Amino acid sequence: MKLLGTILLFSALCGAQTVYHARTDLTPIKVPPKKLSWPKANSVVVDPNFGSKIVRITDRGTFKNRSLQTADSGTPNLWNTDSTMLVVRDTNGESLVMSFDPATLKAQLKTNWRYFFNTKQASFSHVDPQILFILTGAQPDGPRTVLQKVDFRQQTISDVYDFAKCLPPSYNPNWSGTLAVSHDDSMFTVAFSDKGQDVGFYAGSYTVGQGCRLLNTKTGEVTGDWGPVGKVSIPDSFGLHAMTSSPNGDVAILTSGKCWNVCAGLYFWNIPTLDVVVGSDSGHSAKGYTHLITAEAQGQWRSQLYADPSNNWLVIPNGMLAPGFAGDKHASWNNVDPDDLNPFFSTNSHRWPPEAVWEDEVIGVDPTSGLVYRFSSTYNSGRSRYFIGRCAVGVVSQDGRFLAFTSDALKTLGLDAKGHSRVDVFVVPLE
């Protein structure tokens, strides 16, 4: 008999109670003898091991038979505030906006106005469900440095800021990191490179009404329109593999790529200052207001304070870990509250079939007790040629009610326009 756990969580923002009923046991699932079938978009299958509904929201007819995915990590805010829209991405790095009905679980392209954007840098507002922020080029083939606000209510697109004003003259970026938006839509961060991921070194931040700040992670120099400028507090010199920021927008979370001298894997830059500190770990992470939670081996997670990363601890008690877990984990915490108490979520990838509990599953983790909630399997082969599909990367909604993930449904979805086994976006209600 499967065990059910219930978690009661109260949002510090609105006082609403969120209740999750999910398995919390450590009993391995029974792999279905036949592959489950989602023949087309909006097909729903009930997971035989978890009782949860899993809906396929894209298929070959959604957009030119292209494989459709979530994001490179669980960090981008792909859902709007009331879970009635979400962004999916094709394998060319282009974004599509979909309407979603939380009651019926049905989705479709939002074709009543603009739904296609030639950028993968997209994040919904944390304030207004009808606002999407994107990073695009001033010219169709130009570098993507322009932050724009897409207003679906007014059906307008307006420029917010051009990071070219902050970058060196004639700088021509060909790569940008995740576009992060603060909880009040007042601060935006993004990394830039003119030589691709891992070797770029510009970490940019824009604050409405103040302007930009720019950290050169190779030289350690901070420039910008406001706040102190000059050398940061550490001598490290490194390229950027990834960048995001805390929900308050005041802490940049930097993951290093190329190293030019002594380097760590993870850094926190307090953006209003010259203070940069070394983090305690560099695994795939979930960002809270004051804490970062990073993935460790054997299904474990580590929580650390931005202000003092040496103050860190393991999240799950050792006696509650899944024996033999060996999957990769991509976390998402877009439902985080100001006290960092709401659970974070993870899709755990492993070549099918799973060999341990939590492998190939959508889970939630209580950051204070370490209790793990098991919502569904991903039914992903782990063999896709597409990184996002191979890792079944999942992104939780802002209201904590849904999680979208990428899966090849054990290679039952046919071939895409490139002749590869297609991957599609699936949504599981978190109940």
Protein backbone atom coordinates (compact mmCIF):
# COMPACT_ATOMS: atom_id res chain seq x y z
CA MET A 1 0.00 0.00 0.00
CA LYS A 2 1.48 3.32 -0.97
CA LEU A 3 2.15 5.91 1.70
CA LEU A 4 0.70 9.37 1.35
CA GLY A 5 2.23 12.49 2.79
CA THR A 6 0.53 15.81 3.25
CA ILE A 7 2.29 19.12 3.57
CA LEU A 8 0.56 22.31 4.65
CA LEU A 9 2.33 25.44 3.60
CA PHE A 10 1.30 29.05 4.16
CA SER A 11 2.49 31.71 1.76
CA ALA A 12 3.91 34.74 3.49
CA LEU A 13 2.71 36.81 0.54
CA CYS A 14 -0.99 36.02 0.43
CA GLY A 15 -1.76 33.77 3.42
CA ALA A 16 -3.05 31.06 1.09
CA GLN A 17 -2.79 27.44 2.16
CA THR A 18 -1.27 25.00 -0.29
CA VAL A 19 -1.84 21.30 0.32
CA TYR A 20 0.17 18.54 -1.35
CA HIS A 21 -0.81 14.89 -1.14
CA ALA A 22 1.95 12.70 -2.50
CA ARG A 23 3.90 9.55 -1.86
CA THR A 24 6.74 9.96 0.62
CA ASP A 25 7.80 6.32 0.86
CA LEU A 26 11.02 4.77 -0.42
CA THR A 27 9.38 1.86 -2.25
CA PRO A 28 10.54 1.40 -5.87
CA ILE A 29 7.89 1.79 -8.55
CA LYS A 30 6.65 -1.05 -10.69
CA VAL A 31 7.67 -0.33 -14.28
CA PRO A 32 4.56 -0.66 -16.47
CA PRO A 33 4.78 -3.75 -18.71
CA LYS A 34 3.70 -1.64 -21.70
CA LYS A 35 4.78 1.86 -22.63
CA LEU A 36 2.18 4.48 -21.78
CA SER A 37 0.68 6.32 -24.74
CA TRP A 38 0.03 10.01 -25.31
CA PRO A 39 -1.14 9.98 -28.97
CA LYS A 40 -1.51 13.76 -29.33
CA ALA A 41 -1.43 17.07 -27.51
CA ASN A 42 -3.86 17.35 -24.57
CA SER A 43 -3.84 13.57 -24.07
CA VAL A 44 -3.92 12.71 -20.37
CA VAL A 45 -2.53 9.56 -18.78
CA VAL A 46 -2.89 8.64 -15.13
CA ASP A 47 0.43 7.48 -13.73
CA PRO A 48 -0.16 3.89 -12.53
CA ASN A 49 2.34 4.24 -9.69
CA PHE A 50 1.39 7.66 -8.38
CA GLY A 51 -2.22 8.26 -9.42
CA SER A 52 -1.28 11.65 -10.85
CA LYS A 53 -2.42 13.01 -14.19
CA ILE A 54 0.25 13.70 -16.82
CA VAL A 55 -0.85 15.74 -19.82
CA ARG A 56 1.10 16.10 -23.03
CA ILE A 57 0.66 19.72 -24.13
CA THR A 58 2.62 19.76 -27.44
CA ASP A 59 2.89 17.46 -30.45
CA ARG A 60 4.02 17.46 -34.09
CA GLY A 61 1.10 19.73 -35.02
CA THR A 62 1.90 22.42 -32.48
CA PHE A 63 4.67 24.10 -34.47
CA LYS A 64 6.09 22.79 -37.75
CA ASN A 65 6.76 19.30 -36.34
CA ARG A 66 9.58 20.72 -34.23
CA SER A 67 10.53 19.10 -30.96
CA LEU A 68 9.38 21.34 -28.12
CA GLN A 69 11.00 21.70 -24.72
CA THR A 70 11.08 23.58 -21.43
CA ALA A 71 14.48 25.22 -20.68
CA ASP A 72 18.15 24.47 -20.06
CA SER A 73 17.50 24.53 -16.32
CA GLY A 74 14.61 24.83 -13.87
CA THR A 75 15.46 28.48 -13.21
CA PRO A 76 13.63 30.41 -15.98
CA ASN A 77 10.18 31.62 -15.02
CA LEU A 78 8.25 29.96 -17.87
CA TRP A 79 4.81 30.21 -16.20
CA ASN A 80 2.80 33.36 -15.63
CA THR A 81 1.45 34.18 -12.17
CA ASP A 82 -1.89 32.36 -12.48
CA SER A 83 -0.71 29.40 -14.59
CA THR A 84 -2.80 30.38 -17.62
CA MET A 85 0.22 30.82 -19.91
CA LEU A 86 3.62 29.21 -20.27
CA VAL A 87 6.58 29.44 -22.61
CA VAL A 88 7.98 26.44 -24.48
CA ARG A 89 11.06 26.39 -26.69
CA ASP A 90 11.96 24.69 -29.95
CA THR A 91 15.39 23.21 -30.63
CA ASN A 92 16.46 26.35 -32.51
CA GLY A 93 16.26 28.47 -29.36
CA GLU A 94 12.96 30.13 -30.28
CA SER A 95 10.15 30.67 -27.78
CA LEU A 96 6.45 29.93 -28.16
CA VAL A 97 3.75 31.17 -25.79
CA MET A 98 0.95 28.75 -24.97
CA SER A 99 -2.37 29.23 -23.24
CA PHE A 100 -3.11 26.73 -20.48
CA ASP A 101 -6.37 26.00 -18.70
CA PRO A 102 -5.61 24.99 -15.08
CA ALA A 103 -9.05 23.37 -14.75
CA THR A 104 -9.12 21.22 -17.89
CA LEU A 105 -5.32 20.93 -18.34
CA LYS A 106 -5.74 21.79 -22.03
CA ALA A 107 -3.12 23.88 -23.80
CA GLN A 108 -2.72 25.51 -27.21
CA LEU A 109 -0.60 28.14 -28.91
CA LYS A 110 -1.73 31.62 -27.95
CA THR A 111 -2.57 32.54 -31.52
CA ASN A 112 -4.91 35.50 -30.88
CA TRP A 113 -1.83 37.76 -31.04
CA ARG A 114 1.94 37.20 -30.84
CA TYR A 115 3.04 33.75 -29.75
CA PHE A 116 6.45 33.35 -31.48
CA PHE A 117 9.61 35.12 -30.30
CA ASN A 118 13.04 34.61 -31.85
CA THR A 119 14.83 34.25 -28.52
CA LYS A 120 15.14 31.67 -25.77
CA GLN A 121 15.56 34.36 -23.13
CA ALA A 122 12.03 34.75 -21.78
CA SER A 123 10.61 35.17 -18.30
CA PHE A 124 7.10 35.97 -17.16
CA SER A 125 6.42 38.82 -14.76
CA HIS A 126 6.07 38.03 -11.05
CA VAL A 127 3.44 40.78 -10.75
CA ASP A 128 1.20 40.81 -13.82
CA PRO A 129 -0.02 37.58 -15.49
CA GLN A 130 -0.23 39.36 -18.85
CA ILE A 131 3.41 40.53 -18.96
CA LEU A 132 6.34 38.61 -20.46
CA PHE A 133 9.93 39.88 -20.54
CA ILE A 134 12.26 38.84 -23.36
CA LEU A 135 15.81 39.58 -24.46
CA THR A 136 16.05 40.25 -28.18
CA GLY A 137 18.04 42.18 -30.77
CA ALA A 138 17.62 45.78 -31.86
CA GLN A 139 17.87 44.39 -35.40
CA PRO A 140 16.58 40.97 -36.57
CA ASP A 141 20.11 39.56 -36.93
CA GLY A 142 21.72 41.76 -34.29
CA PRO A 143 23.07 40.81 -30.86
CA ARG A 144 20.39 40.11 -28.28
CA THR A 145 20.90 42.87 -25.76
CA VAL A 146 17.49 44.58 -25.71
CA LEU A 147 15.19 43.84 -22.77
CA GLN A 148 11.56 44.12 -23.87
CA LYS A 149 8.19 43.96 -22.15
CA VAL A 150 5.48 42.03 -23.98
CA ASP A 151 1.99 43.06 -22.82
CA PHE A 152 -0.63 40.52 -23.89
CA ARG A 153 -3.45 42.62 -22.44
CA GLN A 154 -2.60 45.72 -24.45
CA GLN A 155 -1.00 43.72 -27.28
CA THR A 156 2.10 45.90 -27.23
CA ILE A 157 5.85 45.34 -27.09
CA SER A 158 8.03 48.05 -25.57
CA ASP A 159 11.74 48.41 -24.85
CA VAL A 160 12.76 48.41 -21.19
CA TYR A 161 16.55 48.68 -21.50
CA ASP A 162 19.36 47.95 -23.94
CA PHE A 163 22.29 46.25 -22.21
CA ALA A 164 24.47 47.51 -25.07
CA LYS A 165 24.53 50.79 -23.10
CA CYS A 166 26.27 48.94 -20.27
CA LEU A 167 28.58 46.68 -22.28
CA PRO A 168 31.81 47.97 -23.88
CA PRO A 169 31.41 49.86 -27.18
CA SER A 170 31.21 47.61 -30.26
CA TYR A 171 30.86 44.51 -28.06
CA ASN A 172 28.99 41.89 -30.07
CA PRO A 173 27.67 39.08 -27.80
CA ASN A 174 26.77 35.73 -29.35
CA TRP A 175 25.65 34.06 -26.13
CA SER A 176 23.56 35.18 -23.17
CA GLY A 177 22.65 33.39 -19.97
CA THR A 178 19.27 33.05 -18.29
CA LEU A 179 17.17 36.21 -18.10
CA ALA A 180 16.23 36.58 -14.43
CA VAL A 181 13.51 38.95 -13.19
CA SER A 182 13.12 40.03 -9.57
CA HIS A 183 9.94 39.40 -7.59
CA ASP A 184 8.72 42.99 -8.15
CA ASP A 185 9.87 43.26 -11.79
CA SER A 186 12.35 46.00 -10.88
CA MET A 187 15.70 44.22 -11.40
CA PHE A 188 16.89 42.12 -14.33
CA THR A 189 20.11 40.13 -14.72
CA VAL A 190 21.75 38.35 -17.64
CA ALA A 191 25.26 37.23 -18.63
CA PHE A 192 26.90 37.95 -22.00
CA SER A 193 29.73 36.44 -24.04
CA ASP A 194 31.17 37.11 -27.49
CA LYS A 195 32.89 33.72 -27.59
CA GLY A 196 30.16 31.38 -26.39
CA GLN A 197 29.31 29.82 -23.04
CA ASP A 198 32.01 29.34 -20.38
CA VAL A 199 34.48 31.90 -21.78
CA GLY A 200 32.33 35.05 -21.58
CA PHE A 201 32.81 37.24 -18.53
CA TYR A 202 30.19 39.99 -18.39
CA ALA A 203 27.53 39.70 -15.67
CA GLY A 204 24.95 42.43 -16.24
CA SER A 205 22.23 43.84 -14.00
CA TYR A 206 19.63 46.52 -14.74
CA THR A 207 17.55 48.24 -12.05
CA VAL A 208 14.55 50.32 -13.08
CA GLY A 209 15.13 54.00 -12.28
CA GLN A 210 18.84 53.50 -11.56
CA GLY A 211 20.49 51.91 -14.55
CA CYS A 212 23.01 49.13 -14.96
CA ARG A 213 25.86 47.51 -13.11
CA LEU A 214 28.35 45.25 -14.89
CA LEU A 215 30.84 42.81 -13.41
CA ASN A 216 33.75 41.64 -15.53
CA THR A 217 34.46 38.25 -13.96
CA LYS A 218 37.82 38.00 -15.77
CA THR A 219 39.28 41.25 -14.42
CA GLY A 220 37.12 41.58 -11.29
CA GLU A 221 36.13 45.12 -12.31
CA VAL A 222 32.66 46.55 -11.66
CA THR A 223 31.35 49.46 -13.73
CA GLY A 224 27.92 51.00 -14.13
CA ASP A 225 25.47 53.83 -13.54
CA TRP A 226 25.07 53.53 -9.77
CA GLY A 227 26.76 52.06 -6.70
CA PRO A 228 30.49 51.66 -6.05
CA VAL A 229 32.81 50.82 -8.95
CA GLY A 230 36.24 49.21 -8.97
CA LYS A 231 37.71 45.83 -8.06
CA VAL A 232 35.64 43.21 -6.28
CA SER A 233 36.66 41.67 -2.99
CA ILE A 234 38.31 38.49 -4.39
CA PRO A 235 41.12 37.98 -6.96
CA ASP A 236 39.49 35.06 -8.85
CA SER A 237 39.29 35.26 -12.64
CA PHE A 238 36.80 33.09 -14.49
CA GLY A 239 34.39 32.77 -17.39
CA LEU A 240 30.65 32.33 -16.95
CA HIS A 241 28.92 29.01 -17.44
CA ALA A 242 25.64 30.36 -16.10
CA MET A 243 24.15 33.32 -14.24
CA THR A 244 20.90 33.98 -12.48
CA SER A 245 19.86 36.05 -9.48
CA SER A 246 17.93 35.77 -6.23
CA PRO A 247 14.19 36.63 -6.26
CA ASN A 248 15.02 39.97 -4.65
CA GLY A 249 17.35 40.66 -7.57
CA ASP A 250 20.15 41.83 -5.30
CA VAL A 251 22.38 38.73 -5.43
CA ALA A 252 23.85 37.43 -8.68
CA ILE A 253 24.47 33.69 -8.70
CA LEU A 254 27.48 32.97 -10.91
CA THR A 255 28.63 29.53 -12.05
CA SER A 256 32.14 29.47 -13.46
CA GLY A 257 33.29 28.06 -16.77
CA LYS A 258 36.83 28.71 -17.99
CA CYS A 259 39.30 29.47 -15.21
CA TRP A 260 42.12 32.00 -15.71
CA ASN A 261 43.65 31.61 -12.25
CA VAL A 262 42.47 30.06 -8.97
CA CYS A 263 38.73 29.54 -9.31
CA ALA A 264 35.78 28.03 -7.50
CA GLY A 265 32.65 26.63 -9.08
CA LEU A 266 30.12 29.02 -7.57
CA TYR A 267 30.08 32.71 -6.60
CA PHE A 268 27.60 35.19 -5.13
CA TRP A 269 27.90 38.85 -6.10
CA ASN A 270 26.01 41.31 -3.90
CA ILE A 271 25.08 43.54 -6.82
CA PRO A 272 24.78 46.91 -4.99
CA THR A 273 28.33 46.41 -3.65
CA LEU A 274 31.78 45.11 -4.64
CA ASP A 275 31.36 42.04 -2.45
CA VAL A 276 31.79 38.64 -4.13
CA VAL A 277 31.95 35.48 -2.04
CA VAL A 278 32.69 31.89 -2.97
CA GLY A 279 29.81 29.44 -2.69
CA SER A 280 30.17 26.03 -1.12
CA ASP A 281 29.02 23.92 -4.07
CA SER A 282 28.25 24.15 -7.78
CA GLY A 283 25.61 21.52 -8.56
CA HIS A 284 22.32 22.30 -10.32
CA SER A 285 20.55 24.69 -8.01
CA ALA A 286 17.26 26.12 -6.76
CA LYS A 287 17.31 29.78 -5.75
CA GLY A 288 15.56 31.16 -2.70
CA TYR A 289 15.41 34.67 -1.31
CA THR A 290 18.26 34.14 1.15
CA HIS A 291 19.37 30.56 0.40
CA LEU A 292 20.66 28.64 -2.58
CA ILE A 293 20.02 24.90 -2.64
CA THR A 294 22.42 22.84 -4.75
CA ALA A 295 22.33 19.21 -5.86
CA GLU A 296 24.75 16.73 -4.35
CA ALA A 297 25.36 13.04 -4.98
CA GLN A 298 23.05 10.21 -3.88
CA GLY A 299 19.91 12.33 -4.06
CA GLN A 300 21.11 14.80 -1.44
CA TRP A 301 20.81 18.60 -1.51
CA ARG A 302 22.78 21.31 0.29
CA SER A 303 21.39 24.65 1.48
CA GLN A 304 23.64 27.67 1.94
CA LEU A 305 23.20 31.35 2.73
CA TYR A 306 24.14 33.91 0.09
CA ALA A 307 25.54 36.17 2.77
CA ASP A 308 27.66 33.42 4.34
CA PRO A 309 28.04 30.27 2.22
CA SER A 310 30.14 28.66 4.95
CA ASN A 311 26.85 28.44 6.84
CA ASN A 312 25.49 25.45 4.93
CA TRP A 313 23.83 22.15 5.70
CA LEU A 314 22.45 18.99 4.10
CA VAL A 315 18.71 19.17 3.47
CA ILE A 316 17.66 15.51 3.66
CA PRO A 317 18.52 13.48 6.78
CA ASN A 318 20.69 10.52 5.82
CA GLY A 319 18.08 8.03 6.97
CA MET A 320 15.57 9.49 4.51
CA LEU A 321 17.75 9.20 1.37
CA ALA A 322 16.79 6.83 -1.44
CA PRO A 323 19.19 3.86 -1.43
CA GLY A 324 21.23 3.59 -4.62
CA PHE A 325 19.99 6.81 -6.25
CA ALA A 326 22.27 7.81 -9.12
CA GLY A 327 20.24 10.21 -11.28
CA ASP A 328 20.97 13.75 -12.39
CA LYS A 329 18.82 16.44 -10.78
CA HIS A 330 17.50 19.75 -12.17
CA ALA A 331 15.75 21.84 -9.54
CA SER A 332 13.12 24.58 -9.83
CA TRP A 333 11.90 26.94 -7.09
CA ASN A 334 9.80 29.56 -8.92
CA ASN A 335 7.13 29.04 -6.23
CA VAL A 336 9.50 30.17 -3.47
CA ASP A 337 8.17 32.38 -0.66
CA PRO A 338 10.18 35.18 1.08
CA ASP A 339 11.01 32.86 3.97
CA ASP A 340 12.27 30.06 1.69
CA LEU A 341 9.84 27.57 3.27
CA ASN A 342 7.89 26.30 0.26
CA PRO A 343 9.18 23.05 -1.25
CA PHE A 344 11.42 23.13 -4.28
CA PHE A 345 10.93 20.66 -7.11
CA SER A 346 13.20 18.52 -9.23
CA THR A 347 13.05 16.25 -12.24
CA ASN A 348 15.58 13.47 -11.76
CA SER A 349 16.96 12.02 -14.98
CA HIS A 350 18.34 8.51 -15.37
CA ARG A 351 18.35 6.17 -18.33
CA TRP A 352 15.07 4.31 -18.25
CA PRO A 353 14.19 2.10 -16.47
CA PRO A 354 14.77 3.56 -13.01
CA GLU A 355 16.96 1.46 -10.72
CA ALA A 356 16.25 3.35 -7.52
CA VAL A 357 13.57 5.48 -5.90
CA TRP A 358 13.43 9.11 -7.20
CA GLU A 359 15.13 8.22 -10.50
CA ASP A 360 13.08 9.38 -13.51
CA GLU A 361 10.62 11.06 -11.15
CA VAL A 362 9.14 14.48 -10.44
CA ILE A 363 9.75 15.17 -6.77
CA GLY A 364 9.28 17.99 -4.28
CA VAL A 365 11.55 18.55 -1.29
CA ASP A 366 10.64 20.35 1.92
CA PRO A 367 13.72 22.57 2.51
CA THR A 368 13.35 22.49 6.29
CA SER A 369 12.46 18.87 7.10
CA GLY A 370 13.98 17.22 4.03
CA LEU A 371 10.82 15.21 3.40
CA VAL A 372 10.58 14.20 -0.27
CA TYR A 373 7.27 14.11 -2.13
CA ARG A 374 6.96 11.87 -5.19
CA PHE A 375 4.49 13.13 -7.81
CA SER A 376 5.02 11.13 -11.00
CA SER A 377 7.47 9.43 -13.32
CA THR A 378 8.81 11.33 -16.33
CA TYR A 379 8.71 8.31 -18.67
CA ASN A 380 11.80 9.68 -20.37
CA SER A 381 14.37 7.40 -22.00
CA GLY A 382 17.33 9.61 -21.07
CA ARG A 383 18.72 9.01 -24.56
CA SER A 384 17.55 12.05 -26.50
CA ARG A 385 20.08 13.92 -28.62
CA TYR A 386 18.59 17.12 -27.16
CA PHE A 387 20.05 18.14 -23.79
CA ILE A 388 16.75 19.38 -22.33
CA GLY A 389 14.95 16.25 -23.46
CA ARG A 390 17.70 13.94 -22.29
CA CYS A 391 17.59 15.49 -18.82
CA ALA A 392 13.77 15.86 -18.62
CA VAL A 393 14.29 19.40 -17.29
CA GLY A 394 11.26 20.59 -15.32
CA VAL A 395 10.02 24.07 -14.38
CA VAL A 396 7.51 24.63 -11.57
CA SER A 397 4.76 27.24 -11.86
CA GLN A 398 4.81 30.38 -9.71
CA ASP A 399 1.76 29.22 -7.76
CA GLY A 400 3.28 25.78 -7.12
CA ARG A 401 0.35 23.99 -8.76
CA PHE A 402 1.98 22.59 -11.90
CA LEU A 403 5.31 21.41 -13.21
CA ALA A 404 6.17 21.32 -16.92
CA PHE A 405 8.89 18.92 -18.05
CA THR A 406 10.35 17.60 -21.28
CA SER A 407 10.11 13.92 -22.23
CA ASP A 408 10.39 11.61 -25.23
CA ALA A 409 7.75 9.31 -23.66
CA LEU A 410 10.22 6.44 -24.09
CA LYS A 411 10.66 7.32 -27.77
CA THR A 412 7.00 6.82 -28.66
CA LEU A 413 6.39 10.32 -30.06
CA GLY A 414 7.70 9.76 -33.59
CA LEU A 415 10.30 11.82 -35.45
CA ASP A 416 10.57 15.60 -35.55
CA ALA A 417 11.35 17.87 -38.51
CA LYS A 418 15.08 17.20 -38.07
CA GLY A 419 14.56 13.44 -38.29
CA HIS A 420 15.29 12.83 -34.60
CA SER A 421 13.11 11.19 -31.97
CA ARG A 422 10.92 14.09 -30.90
CA VAL A 423 10.55 15.40 -27.41
CA ASP A 424 7.54 17.29 -26.12
CA VAL A 425 6.39 19.23 -23.08
CA PHE A 426 4.29 17.47 -20.45
CA VAL A 427 2.59 18.94 -17.39
CA VAL A 428 1.84 17.23 -14.09
CA PRO A 429 -0.50 18.86 -11.55
CA LEU A 430 1.17 18.94 -8.14
CA GLU A 431 -1.57 17.56 -5.91
